[in-house]
C-alpha atoms as a PDB file:
ATOM      1  CA  MET A   1       0.000   0.000   0.000  1.00  0.00           C
ATOM      2  CA  GLN A   2       1.293   3.473  -0.873  1.00  0.00           C
ATOM      3  CA  LYS A   3       1.899   5.951   1.920  1.00  0.00           C
ATOM      4  CA  TRP A   4       1.900   9.712   1.442  1.00  0.00           C
ATOM      5  CA  GLU A   5       3.165  12.667   3.395  1.00  0.00           C
ATOM      6  CA  TYR A   6       1.612  16.099   3.036  1.00  0.00           C
ATOM      7  CA  ARG A   7       2.849  19.661   3.189  1.00  0.00           C
ATOM      8  CA  ILE A   8       0.758  22.829   3.387  1.00  0.00           C
ATOM      9  CA  GLU A   9       2.352  26.160   2.556  1.00  0.00           C
ATOM     10  CA  VAL A  10       0.813  29.626   2.798  1.00  0.00           C
ATOM     11  CA  TYR A  11       1.263  31.699  -0.352  1.00  0.00           C
ATOM     12  CA  ILE A  12       0.482  35.328   0.485  1.00  0.00           C
ATOM     13  CA  LEU A  13       0.649  36.876  -2.967  1.00  0.00           C
ATOM     14  CA  ARG A  14      -2.303  36.758  -5.293  1.00  0.00           C
ATOM     15  CA  ILE A  15      -1.816  34.510  -8.273  1.00  0.00           C
ATOM     16  CA  GLU A  16      -1.774  37.201 -10.936  1.00  0.00           C
ATOM     17  CA  LYS A  17       0.462  37.745 -13.937  1.00  0.00           C
ATOM     18  CA  GLN A  18       3.313  39.450 -12.061  1.00  0.00           C
ATOM     19  CA  GLU A  19       3.419  36.755  -9.351  1.00  0.00           C
ATOM     20  CA  ARG A  20       3.282  33.757 -11.694  1.00  0.00           C
ATOM     21  CA  GLU A  21       7.044  33.644 -12.193  1.00  0.00           C
ATOM     22  CA  GLU A  22       7.635  33.581  -8.422  1.00  0.00           C
ATOM     23  CA  LEU A  23       4.984  30.875  -7.961  1.00  0.00           C
ATOM     24  CA  ASN A  24       6.442  28.872 -10.852  1.00  0.00           C
ATOM     25  CA  SER A  25       9.889  28.977  -9.206  1.00  0.00           C
ATOM     26  CA  LEU A  26       8.404  27.828  -5.886  1.00  0.00           C
ATOM     27  CA  LEU A  27       6.542  24.934  -7.545  1.00  0.00           C
ATOM     28  CA  THR A  28       9.660  23.921  -9.473  1.00  0.00           C
ATOM     29  CA  GLU A  29      11.699  23.904  -6.255  1.00  0.00           C
ATOM     30  CA  TYR A  30       9.168  21.733  -4.407  1.00  0.00           C
ATOM     31  CA  GLY A  31       8.783  19.474  -7.445  1.00  0.00           C
ATOM     32  CA  SER A  32      12.536  18.832  -7.457  1.00  0.00           C
ATOM     33  CA  GLU A  33      12.152  17.638  -3.843  1.00  0.00           C
ATOM     34  CA  GLY A  34       9.420  15.184  -4.907  1.00  0.00           C
ATOM     35  CA  TRP A  35       6.407  17.269  -3.827  1.00  0.00           C
ATOM     36  CA  GLU A  36       3.346  17.277  -6.092  1.00  0.00           C
ATOM     37  CA  LEU A  37       0.867  20.166  -5.880  1.00  0.00           C
ATOM     38  CA  VAL A  38      -2.592  18.684  -5.344  1.00  0.00           C
ATOM     39  CA  ASN A  39      -4.689  21.742  -4.487  1.00  0.00           C
ATOM     40  CA  ILE A  40      -4.717  25.505  -4.054  1.00  0.00           C
ATOM     41  CA  ILE A  41      -7.236  26.667  -1.453  1.00  0.00           C
ATOM     42  CA  PRO A  42      -7.924  30.416  -1.477  1.00  0.00           C
ATOM     43  CA  GLN A  43      -8.564  32.029   1.900  1.00  0.00           C
ATOM     44  CA  TYR A  44     -11.111  34.839   1.591  1.00  0.00           C
ATOM     45  CA  LYS A  45     -11.886  37.897   3.653  1.00  0.00           C
ATOM     46  CA  LEU A  46     -15.166  39.795   3.438  1.00  0.00           C
ATOM     47  CA  GLU A  47     -14.484  43.442   2.619  1.00  0.00           C
ATOM     48  CA  ASN A  48     -16.920  46.267   3.335  1.00  0.00           C
ATOM     49  CA  ASN A  49     -15.945  48.836   0.754  1.00  0.00           C
ATOM     50  CA  LEU A  50     -19.040  51.031   0.693  1.00  0.00           C
ATOM     51  CA  PRO A  51     -22.095  51.135   2.983  1.00  0.00           C
ATOM     52  CA  ASN A  52     -24.102  48.705   0.830  1.00  0.00           C
ATOM     53  CA  PHE A  53     -21.313  47.009  -1.096  1.00  0.00           C
ATOM     54  CA  LYS A  54     -19.490  43.902   0.110  1.00  0.00           C
ATOM     55  CA  PHE A  55     -17.104  41.629  -1.732  1.00  0.00           C
ATOM     56  CA  LEU A  56     -14.777  38.734  -1.052  1.00  0.00           C
ATOM     57  CA  GLU A  57     -11.060  39.293  -1.442  1.00  0.00           C
ATOM     58  CA  VAL A  58      -8.395  36.586  -1.475  1.00  0.00           C
ATOM     59  CA  GLN A  59      -6.029  37.228   1.429  1.00  0.00           C
ATOM     60  CA  GLU A  60      -3.752  34.234   0.884  1.00  0.00           C
ATOM     61  CA  ASN A  61      -3.661  30.811  -0.720  1.00  0.00           C
ATOM     62  CA  LEU A  62      -2.951  27.471   0.915  1.00  0.00           C
ATOM     63  CA  LEU A  63      -0.845  25.260  -1.343  1.00  0.00           C
ATOM     64  CA  VAL A  64      -1.330  21.563  -0.574  1.00  0.00           C
ATOM     65  CA  PHE A  65       1.422  19.173  -1.661  1.00  0.00           C
ATOM     66  CA  LYS A  66       1.938  15.434  -1.327  1.00  0.00           C
ATOM     67  CA  ARG A  67       4.797  13.041  -1.942  1.00  0.00           C
ATOM     68  CA  LEU A  68       5.246   9.342  -1.709  1.00  0.00           C
ATOM     69  CA  VAL A  69       6.908   8.021   1.432  1.00  0.00           C
ATOM     70  CA  GLU A  70       9.506   5.417   0.506  1.00  0.00           C
END
């Protein structure tokens, strides 16, 4: 039976065009250590911008990785 270990990292930057290169470098680094990205879970915060206007804003992302335990 296969056994897995997991790693959760907090990624503070939004995943927009200017941050993609930094995220790509991070994923490449973890991939070279055997970690596979399995999910990105955005963490939202409710913002009250105007009296009757509310919206959700991503504050950070949780990156969930796994790798096979040998």
